[in-house]
Amino acid sequence: MSGSLQREKSAEEQQLVHVSTRILITSRTTPCDNCGSEIKLAQRHKYVSITHMEANTDKSLEEAVLCDADCLSDFL
């Protein structure tokens, strides 16, 4: 995933945003989709899923992993 994801909304588009705080049992890391800092998934982080629903088209799902509430605020 990339922090440069486009979030342009047309007049007919609706978004359903779900945010959760996660701690996974893993040794994996991933970059923050907002600032690029490395996130240890075994530590508290934010997970965001955004469902885009446009008239006359299929739904699309965007997912992001973020450091904290500050990155979440910047991302949305």
PDB file of N, CA and C in Angstrom:
ATOM      1  N   MET A   1       0.831  -1.183   0.000  1.00  0.00           N
ATOM      2  CA  MET A   1       0.000   0.000   0.000  1.00  0.00           C
ATOM      3  C   MET A   1       0.876   1.246   0.000  1.00  0.00           C
ATOM      4  N   SER A   2       0.319   2.288  -0.479  1.00  0.00           N
ATOM      5  CA  SER A   2       1.095   3.516  -0.605  1.00  0.00           C
ATOM      6  C   SER A   2       0.386   4.664   0.086  1.00  0.00           C
ATOM      7  N   GLY A   3       1.148   5.579   0.669  1.00  0.00           N
ATOM      8  CA  GLY A   3       0.581   6.745   1.319  1.00  0.00           C
ATOM      9  C   GLY A   3       0.019   7.748   0.324  1.00  0.00           C
ATOM     10  N   SER A   4       0.241   7.519  -0.963  1.00  0.00           N
ATOM     11  CA  SER A   4      -0.231   8.457  -1.978  1.00  0.00           C
ATOM     12  C   SER A   4      -1.576   8.037  -2.564  1.00  0.00           C
ATOM     13  N   LEU A   5      -2.341   7.244  -1.860  1.00  0.00           N
ATOM     14  CA  LEU A   5      -3.637   6.796  -2.344  1.00  0.00           C
ATOM     15  C   LEU A   5      -4.550   7.997  -2.541  1.00  0.00           C
ATOM     16  N   GLN A   6      -5.272   8.010  -3.644  1.00  0.00           N
ATOM     17  CA  GLN A   6      -6.153   9.123  -3.983  1.00  0.00           C
ATOM     18  C   GLN A   6      -7.468   8.999  -3.222  1.00  0.00           C
ATOM     19  N   ARG A   7      -7.992  10.110  -2.721  1.00  0.00           N
ATOM     20  CA  ARG A   7      -9.268  10.110  -2.018  1.00  0.00           C
ATOM     21  C   ARG A   7     -10.201  11.173  -2.578  1.00  0.00           C
ATOM     22  N   GLU A   8     -10.298  11.261  -3.881  1.00  0.00           N
ATOM     23  CA  GLU A   8     -11.188  12.239  -4.489  1.00  0.00           C
ATOM     24  C   GLU A   8     -12.610  11.692  -4.444  1.00  0.00           C
ATOM     25  N   LYS A   9     -13.557  12.512  -4.008  1.00  0.00           N
ATOM     26  CA  LYS A   9     -14.948  12.084  -3.910  1.00  0.00           C
ATOM     27  C   LYS A   9     -15.794  12.808  -4.937  1.00  0.00           C
ATOM     28  N   SER A  10     -16.522  12.027  -5.722  1.00  0.00           N
ATOM     29  CA  SER A  10     -17.488  12.633  -6.629  1.00  0.00           C
ATOM     30  C   SER A  10     -18.765  12.905  -5.848  1.00  0.00           C
ATOM     31  N   ALA A  11     -19.678  13.632  -6.458  1.00  0.00           N
ATOM     32  CA  ALA A  11     -20.934  13.979  -5.785  1.00  0.00           C
ATOM     33  C   ALA A  11     -21.758  12.733  -5.479  1.00  0.00           C
ATOM     34  N   GLU A  12     -21.598  11.665  -6.280  1.00  0.00           N
ATOM     35  CA  GLU A  12     -22.408  10.465  -6.098  1.00  0.00           C
ATOM     36  C   GLU A  12     -21.709   9.395  -5.273  1.00  0.00           C
ATOM     37  N   GLU A  13     -20.481   9.622  -4.849  1.00  0.00           N
ATOM     38  CA  GLU A  13     -19.725   8.612  -4.120  1.00  0.00           C
ATOM     39  C   GLU A  13     -20.012   8.672  -2.630  1.00  0.00           C
ATOM     40  N   GLN A  14     -20.114   7.497  -2.019  1.00  0.00           N
ATOM     41  CA  GLN A  14     -20.242   7.392  -0.573  1.00  0.00           C
ATOM     42  C   GLN A  14     -19.081   6.553  -0.058  1.00  0.00           C
ATOM     43  N   GLN A  15     -18.658   6.823   1.176  1.00  0.00           N
ATOM     44  CA  GLN A  15     -17.574   6.057   1.775  1.00  0.00           C
ATOM     45  C   GLN A  15     -18.017   5.512   3.111  1.00  0.00           C
ATOM     46  N   LEU A  16     -17.649   4.272   3.379  1.00  0.00           N
ATOM     47  CA  LEU A  16     -17.846   3.660   4.683  1.00  0.00           C
ATOM     48  C   LEU A  16     -16.456   3.422   5.252  1.00  0.00           C
ATOM     49  N   VAL A  17     -16.135   4.086   6.354  1.00  0.00           N
ATOM     50  CA  VAL A  17     -14.796   4.009   6.943  1.00  0.00           C
ATOM     51  C   VAL A  17     -14.871   3.227   8.244  1.00  0.00           C
ATOM     52  N   HIS A  18     -13.985   2.235   8.374  1.00  0.00           N
ATOM     53  CA  HIS A  18     -13.890   1.466   9.612  1.00  0.00           C
ATOM     54  C   HIS A  18     -12.456   1.583  10.118  1.00  0.00           C
ATOM     55  N   VAL A  19     -12.304   1.983  11.378  1.00  0.00           N
ATOM     56  CA  VAL A  19     -10.984   2.126  11.990  1.00  0.00           C
ATOM     57  C   VAL A  19     -10.926   1.228  13.211  1.00  0.00           C
ATOM     58  N   SER A  20      -9.836   0.460  13.325  1.00  0.00           N
ATOM     59  CA  SER A  20      -9.652  -0.362  14.521  1.00  0.00           C
ATOM     60  C   SER A  20      -8.210  -0.231  14.994  1.00  0.00           C
ATOM     61  N   THR A  21      -8.029  -0.445  16.282  1.00  0.00           N
ATOM     62  CA  THR A  21      -6.694  -0.499  16.862  1.00  0.00           C
ATOM     63  C   THR A  21      -6.337  -1.970  16.958  1.00  0.00           C
ATOM     64  N   ARG A  22      -5.167  -2.331  16.443  1.00  0.00           N
ATOM     65  CA  ARG A  22      -4.784  -3.740  16.384  1.00  0.00           C
ATOM     66  C   ARG A  22      -3.435  -3.973  17.038  1.00  0.00           C
ATOM     67  N   ILE A  23      -3.289  -5.166  17.549  1.00  0.00           N
ATOM     68  CA  ILE A  23      -2.015  -5.717  17.996  1.00  0.00           C
ATOM     69  C   ILE A  23      -2.016  -7.151  17.499  1.00  0.00           C
ATOM     70  N   LEU A  24      -1.125  -7.480  16.585  1.00  0.00           N
ATOM     71  CA  LEU A  24      -1.087  -8.813  16.000  1.00  0.00           C
ATOM     72  C   LEU A  24       0.013  -9.651  16.648  1.00  0.00           C
ATOM     73  N   ILE A  25      -0.185 -10.947  16.692  1.00  0.00           N
ATOM     74  CA  ILE A  25       0.826 -11.857  17.222  1.00  0.00           C
ATOM     75  C   ILE A  25       1.697 -12.288  16.051  1.00  0.00           C
ATOM     76  N   THR A  26       2.714 -11.469  15.777  1.00  0.00           N
ATOM     77  CA  THR A  26       3.615 -11.702  14.657  1.00  0.00           C
ATOM     78  C   THR A  26       4.894 -10.906  14.872  1.00  0.00           C
ATOM     79  N   SER A  27       5.941 -11.301  14.183  1.00  0.00           N
ATOM     80  CA  SER A  27       7.188 -10.528  14.241  1.00  0.00           C
ATOM     81  C   SER A  27       7.328  -9.636  13.005  1.00  0.00           C
ATOM     82  N   ARG A  28       6.326  -9.592  12.154  1.00  0.00           N
ATOM     83  CA  ARG A  28       6.371  -8.805  10.918  1.00  0.00           C
ATOM     84  C   ARG A  28       6.317  -7.307  11.186  1.00  0.00           C
ATOM     85  N   THR A  29       6.838  -6.570  10.229  1.00  0.00           N
ATOM     86  CA  THR A  29       6.742  -5.109  10.240  1.00  0.00           C
ATOM     87  C   THR A  29       6.181  -4.666   8.890  1.00  0.00           C
ATOM     88  N   THR A  30       5.699  -3.453   8.843  1.00  0.00           N
ATOM     89  CA  THR A  30       5.192  -2.860   7.600  1.00  0.00           C
ATOM     90  C   THR A  30       5.346  -1.347   7.699  1.00  0.00           C
ATOM     91  N   PRO A  31       5.497  -0.666   6.569  1.00  0.00           N
ATOM     92  CA  PRO A  31       5.588   0.794   6.643  1.00  0.00           C
ATOM     93  C   PRO A  31       4.220   1.420   6.879  1.00  0.00           C
ATOM     94  N   CYS A  32       4.197   2.521   7.592  1.00  0.00           N
ATOM     95  CA  CYS A  32       2.975   3.297   7.788  1.00  0.00           C
ATOM     96  C   CYS A  32       2.546   3.849   6.435  1.00  0.00           C
ATOM     97  N   ASP A  33       1.271   3.702   6.094  1.00  0.00           N
ATOM     98  CA  ASP A  33       0.775   4.185   4.813  1.00  0.00           C
ATOM     99  C   ASP A  33       0.649   5.700   4.758  1.00  0.00           C
ATOM    100  N   ASN A  34       0.907   6.371   5.860  1.00  0.00           N
ATOM    101  CA  ASN A  34       0.879   7.843   5.858  1.00  0.00           C
ATOM    102  C   ASN A  34       2.287   8.427   5.877  1.00  0.00           C
ATOM    103  N   CYS A  35       3.085   8.061   6.870  1.00  0.00           N
ATOM    104  CA  CYS A  35       4.395   8.703   7.032  1.00  0.00           C
ATOM    105  C   CYS A  35       5.574   7.837   6.600  1.00  0.00           C
ATOM    106  N   GLY A  36       5.350   6.535   6.409  1.00  0.00           N
ATOM    107  CA  GLY A  36       6.422   5.654   5.963  1.00  0.00           C
ATOM    108  C   GLY A  36       7.252   5.041   7.075  1.00  0.00           C
ATOM    109  N   SER A  37       7.030   5.419   8.332  1.00  0.00           N
ATOM    110  CA  SER A  37       7.776   4.836   9.454  1.00  0.00           C
ATOM    111  C   SER A  37       7.466   3.347   9.570  1.00  0.00           C
ATOM    112  N   GLU A  38       8.448   2.590  10.017  1.00  0.00           N
ATOM    113  CA  GLU A  38       8.258   1.151  10.192  1.00  0.00           C
ATOM    114  C   GLU A  38       7.362   0.878  11.400  1.00  0.00           C
ATOM    115  N   ILE A  39       6.360   0.029  11.219  1.00  0.00           N
ATOM    116  CA  ILE A  39       5.442  -0.351  12.290  1.00  0.00           C
ATOM    117  C   ILE A  39       5.670  -1.812  12.618  1.00  0.00           C
ATOM    118  N   LYS A  40       5.897  -2.107  13.891  1.00  0.00           N
ATOM    119  CA  LYS A  40       5.945  -3.488  14.352  1.00  0.00           C
ATOM    120  C   LYS A  40       4.503  -3.915  14.606  1.00  0.00           C
ATOM    121  N   LEU A  41       4.016  -4.878  13.838  1.00  0.00           N
ATOM    122  CA  LEU A  41       2.609  -5.257  13.923  1.00  0.00           C
ATOM    123  C   LEU A  41       2.240  -5.875  15.267  1.00  0.00           C
ATOM    124  N   ALA A  42       3.221  -6.291  16.055  1.00  0.00           N
ATOM    125  CA  ALA A  42       2.963  -6.821  17.390  1.00  0.00           C
ATOM    126  C   ALA A  42       2.725  -5.704  18.402  1.00  0.00           C
ATOM    127  N   GLN A  43       2.894  -4.456  17.969  1.00  0.00           N
ATOM    128  CA  GLN A  43       2.627  -3.310  18.823  1.00  0.00           C
ATOM    129  C   GLN A  43       1.361  -2.602  18.341  1.00  0.00           C
ATOM    130  N   ARG A  44       0.759  -1.822  19.201  1.00  0.00           N
ATOM    131  CA  ARG A  44      -0.499  -1.123  18.892  1.00  0.00           C
ATOM    132  C   ARG A  44      -0.332  -0.239  17.650  1.00  0.00           C
ATOM    133  N   HIS A  45      -1.270  -0.380  16.709  1.00  0.00           N
ATOM    134  CA  HIS A  45      -1.296   0.436  15.496  1.00  0.00           C
ATOM    135  C   HIS A  45      -2.743   0.547  15.008  1.00  0.00           C
ATOM    136  N   LYS A  46      -2.983   1.408  14.044  1.00  0.00           N
ATOM    137  CA  LYS A  46      -4.326   1.630  13.495  1.00  0.00           C
ATOM    138  C   LYS A  46      -4.465   0.891  12.165  1.00  0.00           C
ATOM    139  N   TYR A  47      -5.617   0.268  11.968  1.00  0.00           N
ATOM    140  CA  TYR A  47      -5.960  -0.382  10.709  1.00  0.00           C
ATOM    141  C   TYR A  47      -7.216   0.303  10.184  1.00  0.00           C
ATOM    142  N   VAL A  48      -7.180   0.718   8.935  1.00  0.00           N
ATOM    143  CA  VAL A  48      -8.290   1.457   8.341  1.00  0.00           C
ATOM    144  C   VAL A  48      -8.754   0.719   7.086  1.00  0.00           C
ATOM    145  N   SER A  49     -10.063   0.545   6.959  1.00  0.00           N
ATOM    146  CA  SER A  49     -10.620   0.064   5.693  1.00  0.00           C
ATOM    147  C   SER A  49     -11.671   1.068   5.244  1.00  0.00           C
ATOM    148  N   ILE A  50     -11.585   1.428   3.981  1.00  0.00           N
ATOM    149  CA  ILE A  50     -12.506   2.408   3.398  1.00  0.00           C
ATOM    150  C   ILE A  50     -13.186   1.747   2.210  1.00  0.00           C
ATOM    151  N   THR A  51     -14.496   1.601   2.292  1.00  0.00           N
ATOM    152  CA  THR A  51     -15.264   1.049   1.188  1.00  0.00           C
ATOM    153  C   THR A  51     -15.837   2.217   0.396  1.00  0.00           C
ATOM    154  N   HIS A  52     -15.483   2.274  -0.879  1.00  0.00           N
ATOM    155  CA  HIS A  52     -15.983   3.319  -1.773  1.00  0.00           C
ATOM    156  C   HIS A  52     -17.170   2.753  -2.541  1.00  0.00           C
ATOM    157  N   MET A  53     -18.294   3.446  -2.502  1.00  0.00           N
ATOM    158  CA  MET A  53     -19.488   3.002  -3.201  1.00  0.00           C
ATOM    159  C   MET A  53     -19.944   4.121  -4.127  1.00  0.00           C
ATOM    160  N   GLU A  54     -19.787   3.916  -5.429  1.00  0.00           N
ATOM    161  CA  GLU A  54     -20.196   4.918  -6.407  1.00  0.00           C
ATOM    162  C   GLU A  54     -21.430   4.421  -7.149  1.00  0.00           C
ATOM    163  N   ALA A  55     -22.262   5.337  -7.546  1.00  0.00           N
ATOM    164  CA  ALA A  55     -23.453   4.987  -8.307  1.00  0.00           C
ATOM    165  C   ALA A  55     -23.046   4.315  -9.615  1.00  0.00           C
ATOM    166  N   ASN A  56     -23.753   3.252  -9.971  1.00  0.00           N
ATOM    167  CA  ASN A  56     -23.563   2.529 -11.234  1.00  0.00           C
ATOM    168  C   ASN A  56     -22.208   1.842 -11.365  1.00  0.00           C
ATOM    169  N   THR A  57     -21.480   1.634 -10.264  1.00  0.00           N
ATOM    170  CA  THR A  57     -20.216   0.901 -10.331  1.00  0.00           C
ATOM    171  C   THR A  57     -20.119  -0.038  -9.140  1.00  0.00           C
ATOM    172  N   ASP A  58     -19.129  -0.910  -9.197  1.00  0.00           N
ATOM    173  CA  ASP A  58     -18.891  -1.831  -8.093  1.00  0.00           C
ATOM    174  C   ASP A  58     -18.224  -1.104  -6.928  1.00  0.00           C
ATOM    175  N   LYS A  59     -18.262  -1.747  -5.776  1.00  0.00           N
ATOM    176  CA  LYS A  59     -17.573  -1.212  -4.599  1.00  0.00           C
ATOM    177  C   LYS A  59     -16.073  -1.474  -4.742  1.00  0.00           C
ATOM    178  N   SER A  60     -15.275  -0.615  -4.145  1.00  0.00           N
ATOM    179  CA  SER A  60     -13.844  -0.864  -4.057  1.00  0.00           C
ATOM    180  C   SER A  60     -13.429  -0.711  -2.596  1.00  0.00           C
ATOM    181  N   LEU A  61     -12.403  -1.433  -2.212  1.00  0.00           N
ATOM    182  CA  LEU A  61     -11.946  -1.439  -0.829  1.00  0.00           C
ATOM    183  C   LEU A  61     -10.501  -0.955  -0.778  1.00  0.00           C
ATOM    184  N   GLU A  62     -10.246  -0.007   0.085  1.00  0.00           N
ATOM    185  CA  GLU A  62      -8.908   0.528   0.326  1.00  0.00           C
ATOM    186  C   GLU A  62      -8.554   0.193   1.770  1.00  0.00           C
ATOM    187  N   GLU A  63      -7.373  -0.368   1.993  1.00  0.00           N
ATOM    188  CA  GLU A  63      -6.934  -0.710   3.347  1.00  0.00           C
ATOM    189  C   GLU A  63      -5.611  -0.015   3.635  1.00  0.00           C
ATOM    190  N   ALA A  64      -5.411   0.351   4.903  1.00  0.00           N
ATOM    191  CA  ALA A  64      -4.184   1.036   5.291  1.00  0.00           C
ATOM    192  C   ALA A  64      -3.802   0.658   6.711  1.00  0.00           C
ATOM    193  N   VAL A  65      -2.498   0.620   6.965  1.00  0.00           N
ATOM    194  CA  VAL A  65      -1.949   0.406   8.306  1.00  0.00           C
ATOM    195  C   VAL A  65      -1.220   1.688   8.690  1.00  0.00           C
ATOM    196  N   LEU A  66      -1.570   2.231   9.865  1.00  0.00           N
ATOM    197  CA  LEU A  66      -1.049   3.536  10.276  1.00  0.00           C
ATOM    198  C   LEU A  66      -0.444   3.463  11.671  1.00  0.00           C
ATOM    199  N   CYS A  67       0.522   4.346  11.920  1.00  0.00           N
ATOM    200  CA  CYS A  67       1.242   4.386  13.203  1.00  0.00           C
ATOM    201  C   CYS A  67       0.315   4.630  14.395  1.00  0.00           C
ATOM    202  N   ASP A  68      -0.425   5.729  14.311  1.00  0.00           N
ATOM    203  CA  ASP A  68      -1.146   6.216  15.483  1.00  0.00           C
ATOM    204  C   ASP A  68      -2.267   7.151  15.065  1.00  0.00           C
ATOM    205  N   ALA A  69      -2.886   7.785  16.041  1.00  0.00           N
ATOM    206  CA  ALA A  69      -4.020   8.679  15.777  1.00  0.00           C
ATOM    207  C   ALA A  69      -3.609   9.893  14.947  1.00  0.00           C
ATOM    208  N   ASP A  70      -2.379  10.394  15.117  1.00  0.00           N
ATOM    209  CA  ASP A  70      -1.931  11.539  14.327  1.00  0.00           C
ATOM    210  C   ASP A  70      -1.856  11.171  12.842  1.00  0.00           C
ATOM    211  N   CYS A  71      -1.291  10.017  12.531  1.00  0.00           N
ATOM    212  CA  CYS A  71      -1.207   9.584  11.135  1.00  0.00           C
ATOM    213  C   CYS A  71      -2.601   9.289  10.594  1.00  0.00           C
ATOM    214  N   LEU A  72      -3.482   8.753  11.425  1.00  0.00           N
ATOM    215  CA  LEU A  72      -4.853   8.500  11.013  1.00  0.00           C
ATOM    216  C   LEU A  72      -5.532   9.806  10.613  1.00  0.00           C
ATOM    217  N   SER A  73      -5.365  10.839  11.430  1.00  0.00           N
ATOM    218  CA  SER A  73      -5.946  12.151  11.148  1.00  0.00           C
ATOM    219  C   SER A  73      -5.428  12.719   9.835  1.00  0.00           C
ATOM    220  N   ASP A  74      -4.123  12.618   9.622  1.00  0.00           N
ATOM    221  CA  ASP A  74      -3.519  13.116   8.375  1.00  0.00           C
ATOM    222  C   ASP A  74      -3.992  12.313   7.171  1.00  0.00           C
ATOM    223  N   PHE A  75      -4.127  11.004   7.338  1.00  0.00           N
ATOM    224  CA  PHE A  75      -4.480  10.097   6.247  1.00  0.00           C
ATOM    225  C   PHE A  75      -5.906  10.331   5.760  1.00  0.00           C
ATOM    226  N   LEU A  76      -6.824  10.534   6.692  1.00  0.00           N
ATOM    227  CA  LEU A  76      -8.225  10.732   6.315  1.00  0.00           C
ATOM    228  C   LEU A  76      -8.456  12.165   5.934  1.00  0.00           C
TER     229      LEU A  76
END
